[in-house]
Amino acid sequence: MVDPRAKVLLAVLMCGLVVGAPRAADLEQQAAEAVARHHLVEARALYRRLAEADPRQLGYEVWIGRLSSWLNDYRTANAAFDSVLAIEPQHVEALVGKAYVALWRGQFAEADALLGRAVAVAPDDPIVELALARSYHFQGDDTEAARHVQRALALDP
């Protein structure tokens, strides 16, 4: 039998840990504010803390991937997107994020393949349409790029 005093002490210690630690919602708010201020390294560190605390929230890893790509840290970006895709192979935001990394690196065939997967999962997603527009623009086909921009605007005016 467990000593009742031990239970009380454990409860007090656990409360102290919870009260002393920032809540996930607070960290998310801080991360969003850091992104808004263009403090990308700070935001990425906050999203890493969130991801470590709750690895089931794949959105945190997507943010780590986005921020890493914006920081030109493509290896970390791809690792973050790949970790999401390993769990959820049809995760549209991770597919699009990884496609952007490929575009920025001039790997158009890989970007096209990733965007093709995203279209198959979410054919009416304006984010996918904008990514397609960027891909066509990067590859010099502004007519097709404009078509995808128009489609994105039609889907989400």
N, C-alpha and C. Protein backbone atom coordinates (compact mmCIF):
# COMPACT_ATOMS: atom_id res chain seq x y z
N MET A 1 0.84 -1.18 0.00
CA MET A 1 0.00 0.00 0.00
C MET A 1 0.89 1.24 0.00
N VAL A 2 0.46 2.26 -0.77
CA VAL A 2 1.22 3.50 -0.89
C VAL A 2 0.85 4.42 0.27
N ASP A 3 1.88 4.98 0.88
CA ASP A 3 1.68 5.93 1.97
C ASP A 3 0.90 7.14 1.46
N PRO A 4 -0.20 7.53 2.10
CA PRO A 4 -1.01 8.67 1.63
C PRO A 4 -0.20 9.96 1.55
N ARG A 5 0.81 10.10 2.43
CA ARG A 5 1.64 11.31 2.37
C ARG A 5 2.44 11.36 1.07
N ALA A 6 2.86 10.19 0.56
CA ALA A 6 3.59 10.13 -0.70
C ALA A 6 2.70 10.59 -1.85
N LYS A 7 1.42 10.19 -1.79
CA LYS A 7 0.49 10.62 -2.84
C LYS A 7 0.33 12.14 -2.83
N VAL A 8 0.23 12.71 -1.64
CA VAL A 8 0.08 14.17 -1.53
C VAL A 8 1.33 14.86 -2.05
N LEU A 9 2.50 14.36 -1.64
CA LEU A 9 3.75 14.96 -2.09
C LEU A 9 3.89 14.88 -3.62
N LEU A 10 3.53 13.73 -4.19
CA LEU A 10 3.59 13.57 -5.64
C LEU A 10 2.63 14.55 -6.32
N ALA A 11 1.44 14.70 -5.79
CA ALA A 11 0.47 15.64 -6.36
C ALA A 11 0.99 17.07 -6.30
N VAL A 12 1.61 17.45 -5.19
CA VAL A 12 2.16 18.80 -5.06
C VAL A 12 3.29 19.02 -6.06
N LEU A 13 4.17 18.03 -6.18
CA LEU A 13 5.27 18.14 -7.14
C LEU A 13 4.77 18.24 -8.56
N MET A 14 3.78 17.44 -8.91
CA MET A 14 3.24 17.47 -10.26
C MET A 14 2.58 18.82 -10.54
N CYS A 15 1.87 19.36 -9.58
CA CYS A 15 1.25 20.67 -9.78
C CYS A 15 2.31 21.74 -9.98
N GLY A 16 3.38 21.64 -9.24
CA GLY A 16 4.46 22.60 -9.38
C GLY A 16 5.07 22.55 -10.76
N LEU A 17 5.21 21.34 -11.29
CA LEU A 17 5.77 21.21 -12.63
C LEU A 17 4.82 21.78 -13.68
N VAL A 18 3.55 21.54 -13.51
CA VAL A 18 2.58 22.02 -14.49
C VAL A 18 2.44 23.53 -14.42
N VAL A 19 2.38 24.07 -13.22
CA VAL A 19 2.23 25.51 -13.06
C VAL A 19 3.47 26.24 -13.54
N GLY A 20 4.65 25.68 -13.27
CA GLY A 20 5.89 26.34 -13.64
C GLY A 20 6.19 26.28 -15.13
N ALA A 21 5.62 25.32 -15.83
CA ALA A 21 5.90 25.17 -17.26
C ALA A 21 4.89 25.94 -18.09
N PRO A 22 5.35 26.56 -19.17
CA PRO A 22 4.39 27.27 -20.03
C PRO A 22 3.42 26.27 -20.66
N ARG A 23 2.18 26.67 -20.76
CA ARG A 23 1.17 25.82 -21.41
C ARG A 23 1.41 25.82 -22.91
N ALA A 24 0.95 24.75 -23.56
CA ALA A 24 1.13 24.64 -25.01
C ALA A 24 0.49 25.82 -25.73
N ALA A 25 -0.69 26.24 -25.27
CA ALA A 25 -1.36 27.38 -25.93
C ALA A 25 -0.51 28.64 -25.83
N ASP A 26 0.16 28.82 -24.68
CA ASP A 26 1.03 29.99 -24.52
C ASP A 26 2.23 29.91 -25.47
N LEU A 27 2.82 28.72 -25.57
CA LEU A 27 3.96 28.55 -26.48
C LEU A 27 3.53 28.73 -27.94
N GLU A 28 2.35 28.23 -28.27
CA GLU A 28 1.85 28.42 -29.64
C GLU A 28 1.68 29.90 -29.94
N GLN A 29 1.13 30.64 -28.98
CA GLN A 29 0.95 32.08 -29.17
C GLN A 29 2.30 32.78 -29.34
N GLN A 30 3.26 32.40 -28.50
CA GLN A 30 4.60 32.99 -28.61
C GLN A 30 5.22 32.67 -29.96
N ALA A 31 5.03 31.43 -30.43
CA ALA A 31 5.59 31.03 -31.73
C ALA A 31 4.95 31.83 -32.86
N ALA A 32 3.62 31.97 -32.81
CA ALA A 32 2.93 32.74 -33.84
C ALA A 32 3.39 34.20 -33.85
N GLU A 33 3.59 34.75 -32.67
CA GLU A 33 4.07 36.14 -32.58
C GLU A 33 5.49 36.26 -33.11
N ALA A 34 6.31 35.26 -32.84
CA ALA A 34 7.69 35.28 -33.35
C ALA A 34 7.69 35.21 -34.88
N VAL A 35 6.80 34.40 -35.45
CA VAL A 35 6.69 34.33 -36.91
C VAL A 35 6.26 35.69 -37.45
N ALA A 36 5.27 36.29 -36.82
CA ALA A 36 4.76 37.59 -37.27
C ALA A 36 5.84 38.66 -37.22
N ARG A 37 6.76 38.56 -36.24
CA ARG A 37 7.86 39.52 -36.12
C ARG A 37 9.06 39.13 -36.99
N HIS A 38 8.93 38.04 -37.72
CA HIS A 38 10.01 37.50 -38.57
C HIS A 38 11.20 37.05 -37.74
N HIS A 39 10.95 36.62 -36.52
CA HIS A 39 11.99 36.02 -35.68
C HIS A 39 11.92 34.50 -35.87
N LEU A 40 12.40 34.08 -37.02
CA LEU A 40 12.19 32.70 -37.45
C LEU A 40 12.95 31.68 -36.60
N VAL A 41 14.15 32.02 -36.18
CA VAL A 41 14.93 31.09 -35.34
C VAL A 41 14.22 30.89 -34.00
N GLU A 42 13.74 31.97 -33.42
CA GLU A 42 13.00 31.89 -32.16
C GLU A 42 11.72 31.06 -32.34
N ALA A 43 11.00 31.31 -33.41
CA ALA A 43 9.76 30.57 -33.67
C ALA A 43 10.04 29.09 -33.84
N ARG A 44 11.10 28.76 -34.57
CA ARG A 44 11.44 27.35 -34.78
C ARG A 44 11.78 26.68 -33.45
N ALA A 45 12.50 27.38 -32.59
CA ALA A 45 12.83 26.80 -31.28
C ALA A 45 11.57 26.55 -30.46
N LEU A 46 10.61 27.46 -30.54
CA LEU A 46 9.36 27.28 -29.81
C LEU A 46 8.57 26.10 -30.37
N TYR A 47 8.52 25.99 -31.69
CA TYR A 47 7.80 24.85 -32.29
C TYR A 47 8.51 23.53 -31.98
N ARG A 48 9.83 23.57 -31.86
CA ARG A 48 10.55 22.34 -31.47
C ARG A 48 10.15 21.93 -30.05
N ARG A 49 10.05 22.90 -29.16
CA ARG A 49 9.61 22.58 -27.78
C ARG A 49 8.21 21.99 -27.79
N LEU A 50 7.33 22.57 -28.59
CA LEU A 50 5.97 22.06 -28.68
C LEU A 50 5.96 20.64 -29.26
N ALA A 51 6.75 20.41 -30.29
CA ALA A 51 6.79 19.08 -30.93
C ALA A 51 7.35 18.03 -29.97
N GLU A 52 8.34 18.41 -29.18
CA GLU A 52 8.89 17.47 -28.20
C GLU A 52 7.87 17.13 -27.13
N ALA A 53 7.08 18.13 -26.73
CA ALA A 53 6.08 17.91 -25.69
C ALA A 53 4.90 17.10 -26.20
N ASP A 54 4.56 17.25 -27.48
CA ASP A 54 3.41 16.53 -28.03
C ASP A 54 3.69 16.12 -29.47
N PRO A 55 4.42 15.02 -29.64
CA PRO A 55 4.79 14.59 -30.99
C PRO A 55 3.61 14.18 -31.87
N ARG A 56 2.44 13.99 -31.28
CA ARG A 56 1.27 13.61 -32.07
C ARG A 56 0.72 14.79 -32.87
N GLN A 57 1.07 16.00 -32.49
CA GLN A 57 0.61 17.19 -33.20
C GLN A 57 1.53 17.43 -34.40
N LEU A 58 1.17 16.88 -35.53
CA LEU A 58 2.02 16.95 -36.71
C LEU A 58 2.19 18.38 -37.22
N GLY A 59 1.25 19.25 -36.90
CA GLY A 59 1.35 20.65 -37.32
C GLY A 59 2.60 21.34 -36.80
N TYR A 60 3.07 20.93 -35.63
CA TYR A 60 4.31 21.53 -35.10
C TYR A 60 5.49 21.19 -36.00
N GLU A 61 5.56 19.93 -36.42
CA GLU A 61 6.66 19.52 -37.32
C GLU A 61 6.57 20.23 -38.66
N VAL A 62 5.33 20.44 -39.13
CA VAL A 62 5.16 21.18 -40.39
C VAL A 62 5.72 22.58 -40.22
N TRP A 63 5.43 23.21 -39.09
CA TRP A 63 5.97 24.56 -38.85
C TRP A 63 7.49 24.55 -38.76
N ILE A 64 8.06 23.52 -38.14
CA ILE A 64 9.52 23.41 -38.09
C ILE A 64 10.07 23.31 -39.52
N GLY A 65 9.40 22.52 -40.35
CA GLY A 65 9.82 22.40 -41.73
C GLY A 65 9.72 23.71 -42.49
N ARG A 66 8.58 24.40 -42.33
CA ARG A 66 8.41 25.70 -43.02
C ARG A 66 9.48 26.69 -42.60
N LEU A 67 9.62 26.83 -41.29
CA LEU A 67 10.59 27.81 -40.77
C LEU A 67 12.00 27.46 -41.20
N SER A 68 12.33 26.19 -41.16
CA SER A 68 13.66 25.76 -41.58
C SER A 68 13.89 26.08 -43.06
N SER A 69 12.86 25.86 -43.87
CA SER A 69 13.02 26.16 -45.30
C SER A 69 13.18 27.66 -45.51
N TRP A 70 12.44 28.47 -44.77
CA TRP A 70 12.58 29.93 -44.90
C TRP A 70 13.96 30.40 -44.45
N LEU A 71 14.58 29.60 -43.57
CA LEU A 71 15.94 29.90 -43.10
C LEU A 71 17.00 29.26 -44.00
N ASN A 72 16.58 28.69 -45.11
CA ASN A 72 17.47 27.99 -46.05
C ASN A 72 18.16 26.79 -45.42
N ASP A 73 17.57 26.23 -44.39
CA ASP A 73 18.07 25.03 -43.75
C ASP A 73 17.26 23.86 -44.32
N TYR A 74 17.56 23.53 -45.57
CA TYR A 74 16.74 22.57 -46.31
C TYR A 74 16.83 21.15 -45.75
N ARG A 75 17.96 20.79 -45.22
CA ARG A 75 18.09 19.43 -44.65
C ARG A 75 17.13 19.27 -43.46
N THR A 76 17.10 20.27 -42.58
CA THR A 76 16.20 20.21 -41.43
C THR A 76 14.75 20.29 -41.89
N ALA A 77 14.49 21.12 -42.89
CA ALA A 77 13.12 21.24 -43.42
C ALA A 77 12.65 19.89 -43.96
N ASN A 78 13.46 19.27 -44.80
CA ASN A 78 13.06 17.98 -45.36
C ASN A 78 12.90 16.92 -44.29
N ALA A 79 13.77 16.94 -43.28
CA ALA A 79 13.65 15.97 -42.19
C ALA A 79 12.32 16.15 -41.46
N ALA A 80 11.93 17.39 -41.23
CA ALA A 80 10.66 17.66 -40.55
C ALA A 80 9.49 17.19 -41.41
N PHE A 81 9.50 17.57 -42.68
CA PHE A 81 8.40 17.14 -43.56
C PHE A 81 8.37 15.63 -43.70
N ASP A 82 9.54 15.00 -43.82
CA ASP A 82 9.60 13.54 -43.94
C ASP A 82 9.06 12.85 -42.69
N SER A 83 9.31 13.43 -41.52
CA SER A 83 8.80 12.81 -40.29
C SER A 83 7.28 12.84 -40.27
N VAL A 84 6.70 13.91 -40.79
CA VAL A 84 5.24 13.99 -40.88
C VAL A 84 4.72 12.98 -41.90
N LEU A 85 5.36 12.94 -43.06
CA LEU A 85 4.90 12.04 -44.14
C LEU A 85 5.08 10.57 -43.78
N ALA A 86 6.02 10.27 -42.90
CA ALA A 86 6.20 8.88 -42.44
C ALA A 86 4.99 8.43 -41.62
N ILE A 87 4.39 9.37 -40.93
CA ILE A 87 3.21 9.06 -40.10
C ILE A 87 1.92 9.18 -40.91
N GLU A 88 1.87 10.23 -41.73
CA GLU A 88 0.67 10.51 -42.53
C GLU A 88 1.10 10.85 -43.96
N PRO A 89 1.23 9.81 -44.81
CA PRO A 89 1.78 10.00 -46.16
C PRO A 89 1.00 10.98 -47.04
N GLN A 90 -0.23 11.26 -46.70
CA GLN A 90 -1.04 12.16 -47.52
C GLN A 90 -1.24 13.52 -46.85
N HIS A 91 -0.36 13.89 -45.96
CA HIS A 91 -0.46 15.18 -45.26
C HIS A 91 -0.15 16.30 -46.26
N VAL A 92 -1.18 17.04 -46.65
CA VAL A 92 -1.07 18.01 -47.73
C VAL A 92 -0.06 19.11 -47.41
N GLU A 93 -0.09 19.63 -46.20
CA GLU A 93 0.84 20.72 -45.86
C GLU A 93 2.29 20.25 -45.91
N ALA A 94 2.55 19.03 -45.49
CA ALA A 94 3.92 18.50 -45.56
C ALA A 94 4.33 18.25 -47.02
N LEU A 95 3.40 17.75 -47.83
CA LEU A 95 3.71 17.55 -49.25
C LEU A 95 4.03 18.87 -49.93
N VAL A 96 3.21 19.88 -49.67
CA VAL A 96 3.44 21.20 -50.28
C VAL A 96 4.74 21.81 -49.75
N GLY A 97 4.98 21.71 -48.45
CA GLY A 97 6.22 22.25 -47.88
C GLY A 97 7.45 21.61 -48.48
N LYS A 98 7.42 20.30 -48.60
CA LYS A 98 8.56 19.58 -49.19
C LYS A 98 8.71 19.95 -50.67
N ALA A 99 7.57 20.17 -51.36
CA ALA A 99 7.63 20.60 -52.77
C ALA A 99 8.29 21.96 -52.90
N TYR A 100 7.98 22.89 -51.98
CA TYR A 100 8.62 24.20 -52.03
C TYR A 100 10.14 24.08 -51.87
N VAL A 101 10.57 23.24 -50.96
CA VAL A 101 12.02 23.04 -50.78
C VAL A 101 12.63 22.55 -52.09
N ALA A 102 11.97 21.60 -52.72
CA ALA A 102 12.47 21.09 -54.00
C ALA A 102 12.50 22.20 -55.06
N LEU A 103 11.46 23.04 -55.10
CA LEU A 103 11.44 24.15 -56.07
C LEU A 103 12.60 25.09 -55.84
N TRP A 104 12.81 25.47 -54.60
CA TRP A 104 13.88 26.42 -54.28
C TRP A 104 15.25 25.86 -54.58
N ARG A 105 15.36 24.53 -54.61
CA ARG A 105 16.63 23.88 -54.93
C ARG A 105 16.73 23.54 -56.41
N GLY A 106 15.71 23.91 -57.19
CA GLY A 106 15.73 23.63 -58.62
C GLY A 106 15.44 22.18 -58.96
N GLN A 107 14.87 21.44 -58.04
CA GLN A 107 14.54 20.02 -58.26
C GLN A 107 13.07 19.91 -58.70
N PHE A 108 12.83 20.32 -59.94
CA PHE A 108 11.46 20.47 -60.43
C PHE A 108 10.73 19.14 -60.56
N ALA A 109 11.40 18.10 -60.96
CA ALA A 109 10.74 16.79 -61.09
C ALA A 109 10.23 16.31 -59.72
N GLU A 110 11.05 16.48 -58.70
CA GLU A 110 10.62 16.08 -57.35
C GLU A 110 9.45 16.95 -56.88
N ALA A 111 9.55 18.26 -57.14
CA ALA A 111 8.46 19.16 -56.74
C ALA A 111 7.17 18.77 -57.45
N ASP A 112 7.25 18.49 -58.75
CA ASP A 112 6.06 18.09 -59.50
C ASP A 112 5.45 16.81 -58.94
N ALA A 113 6.28 15.85 -58.59
CA ALA A 113 5.78 14.59 -58.04
C ALA A 113 5.07 14.83 -56.70
N LEU A 114 5.66 15.65 -55.86
CA LEU A 114 5.05 15.94 -54.56
C LEU A 114 3.74 16.70 -54.74
N LEU A 115 3.72 17.66 -55.64
CA LEU A 115 2.49 18.41 -55.88
C LEU A 115 1.42 17.53 -56.52
N GLY A 116 1.84 16.59 -57.34
CA GLY A 116 0.90 15.62 -57.89
C GLY A 116 0.23 14.81 -56.80
N ARG A 117 1.00 14.40 -55.81
CA ARG A 117 0.43 13.68 -54.66
C ARG A 117 -0.53 14.57 -53.89
N ALA A 118 -0.16 15.85 -53.73
CA ALA A 118 -1.03 16.78 -53.00
C ALA A 118 -2.34 16.99 -53.74
N VAL A 119 -2.29 17.13 -55.05
CA VAL A 119 -3.51 17.29 -55.85
C VAL A 119 -4.40 16.06 -55.73
N ALA A 120 -3.80 14.89 -55.72
CA ALA A 120 -4.58 13.66 -55.60
C ALA A 120 -5.34 13.61 -54.28
N VAL A 121 -4.73 14.15 -53.23
CA VAL A 121 -5.35 14.14 -51.90
C VAL A 121 -6.36 15.29 -51.75
N ALA A 122 -6.01 16.46 -52.27
CA ALA A 122 -6.82 17.66 -52.05
C ALA A 122 -6.94 18.45 -53.36
N PRO A 123 -7.76 17.96 -54.29
CA PRO A 123 -7.84 18.60 -55.60
C PRO A 123 -8.42 20.01 -55.59
N ASP A 124 -9.12 20.36 -54.54
CA ASP A 124 -9.75 21.69 -54.47
C ASP A 124 -9.17 22.55 -53.35
N ASP A 125 -7.92 22.34 -53.05
CA ASP A 125 -7.25 23.10 -51.98
C ASP A 125 -6.53 24.29 -52.60
N PRO A 126 -6.90 25.52 -52.21
CA PRO A 126 -6.24 26.70 -52.80
C PRO A 126 -4.74 26.77 -52.50
N ILE A 127 -4.31 26.20 -51.39
CA ILE A 127 -2.88 26.19 -51.06
C ILE A 127 -2.12 25.33 -52.07
N VAL A 128 -2.72 24.23 -52.46
CA VAL A 128 -2.10 23.36 -53.47
C VAL A 128 -2.06 24.09 -54.81
N GLU A 129 -3.15 24.78 -55.14
CA GLU A 129 -3.21 25.53 -56.40
C GLU A 129 -2.12 26.62 -56.44
N LEU A 130 -1.92 27.32 -55.34
CA LEU A 130 -0.88 28.35 -55.30
C LEU A 130 0.51 27.73 -55.44
N ALA A 131 0.70 26.58 -54.82
CA ALA A 131 1.99 25.90 -54.96
C ALA A 131 2.22 25.48 -56.41
N LEU A 132 1.16 25.01 -57.06
CA LEU A 132 1.28 24.67 -58.48
C LEU A 132 1.61 25.90 -59.31
N ALA A 133 0.96 27.03 -58.99
CA ALA A 133 1.25 28.27 -59.70
C ALA A 133 2.71 28.65 -59.57
N ARG A 134 3.22 28.55 -58.36
CA ARG A 134 4.65 28.88 -58.15
C ARG A 134 5.56 27.93 -58.91
N SER A 135 5.19 26.67 -58.90
CA SER A 135 6.00 25.68 -59.61
C SER A 135 6.06 26.00 -61.10
N TYR A 136 4.90 26.28 -61.68
CA TYR A 136 4.89 26.62 -63.11
C TYR A 136 5.66 27.91 -63.38
N HIS A 137 5.51 28.89 -62.49
CA HIS A 137 6.25 30.15 -62.66
C HIS A 137 7.76 29.89 -62.60
N PHE A 138 8.20 29.12 -61.61
CA PHE A 138 9.63 28.82 -61.47
C PHE A 138 10.15 28.11 -62.72
N GLN A 139 9.28 27.35 -63.38
CA GLN A 139 9.70 26.59 -64.55
C GLN A 139 9.44 27.35 -65.85
N GLY A 140 9.03 28.63 -65.73
CA GLY A 140 8.91 29.48 -66.90
C GLY A 140 7.60 29.42 -67.64
N ASP A 141 6.59 28.79 -67.07
CA ASP A 141 5.28 28.68 -67.74
C ASP A 141 4.28 29.58 -67.00
N ASP A 142 4.34 30.88 -67.30
CA ASP A 142 3.49 31.83 -66.58
C ASP A 142 2.02 31.74 -66.99
N THR A 143 1.73 31.22 -68.18
CA THR A 143 0.33 31.03 -68.58
C THR A 143 -0.33 29.99 -67.68
N GLU A 144 0.36 28.88 -67.48
CA GLU A 144 -0.18 27.83 -66.60
C GLU A 144 -0.18 28.31 -65.15
N ALA A 145 0.81 29.07 -64.77
CA ALA A 145 0.86 29.63 -63.41
C ALA A 145 -0.36 30.51 -63.16
N ALA A 146 -0.68 31.37 -64.13
CA ALA A 146 -1.84 32.26 -63.99
C ALA A 146 -3.13 31.46 -63.88
N ARG A 147 -3.23 30.38 -64.61
CA ARG A 147 -4.43 29.53 -64.53
C ARG A 147 -4.62 28.99 -63.12
N HIS A 148 -3.52 28.58 -62.50
CA HIS A 148 -3.62 28.03 -61.14
C HIS A 148 -3.90 29.13 -60.11
N VAL A 149 -3.39 30.32 -60.33
CA VAL A 149 -3.72 31.44 -59.44
C VAL A 149 -5.21 31.73 -59.53
N GLN A 150 -5.74 31.76 -60.75
CA GLN A 150 -7.17 32.01 -60.93
C GLN A 150 -8.00 30.93 -60.26
N ARG A 151 -7.56 29.71 -60.37
CA ARG A 151 -8.29 28.60 -59.72
C ARG A 151 -8.24 28.75 -58.21
N ALA A 152 -7.08 29.11 -57.67
CA ALA A 152 -6.96 29.31 -56.21
C ALA A 152 -7.91 30.41 -55.74
N LEU A 153 -7.97 31.49 -56.50
CA LEU A 153 -8.87 32.60 -56.13
C LEU A 153 -10.33 32.19 -56.25
N ALA A 154 -10.65 31.36 -57.23
CA ALA A 154 -12.03 30.87 -57.37
C ALA A 154 -12.40 29.98 -56.19
N LEU A 155 -11.45 29.20 -55.70
CA LEU A 155 -11.71 28.31 -54.57
C LEU A 155 -11.81 29.06 -53.24
N ASP A 156 -11.02 30.14 -53.14
CA ASP A 156 -11.00 30.90 -51.88
C ASP A 156 -10.87 32.38 -52.21
N PRO A 157 -12.01 33.02 -52.55
CA PRO A 157 -11.96 34.44 -52.96
C PRO A 157 -11.55 35.31 -51.79
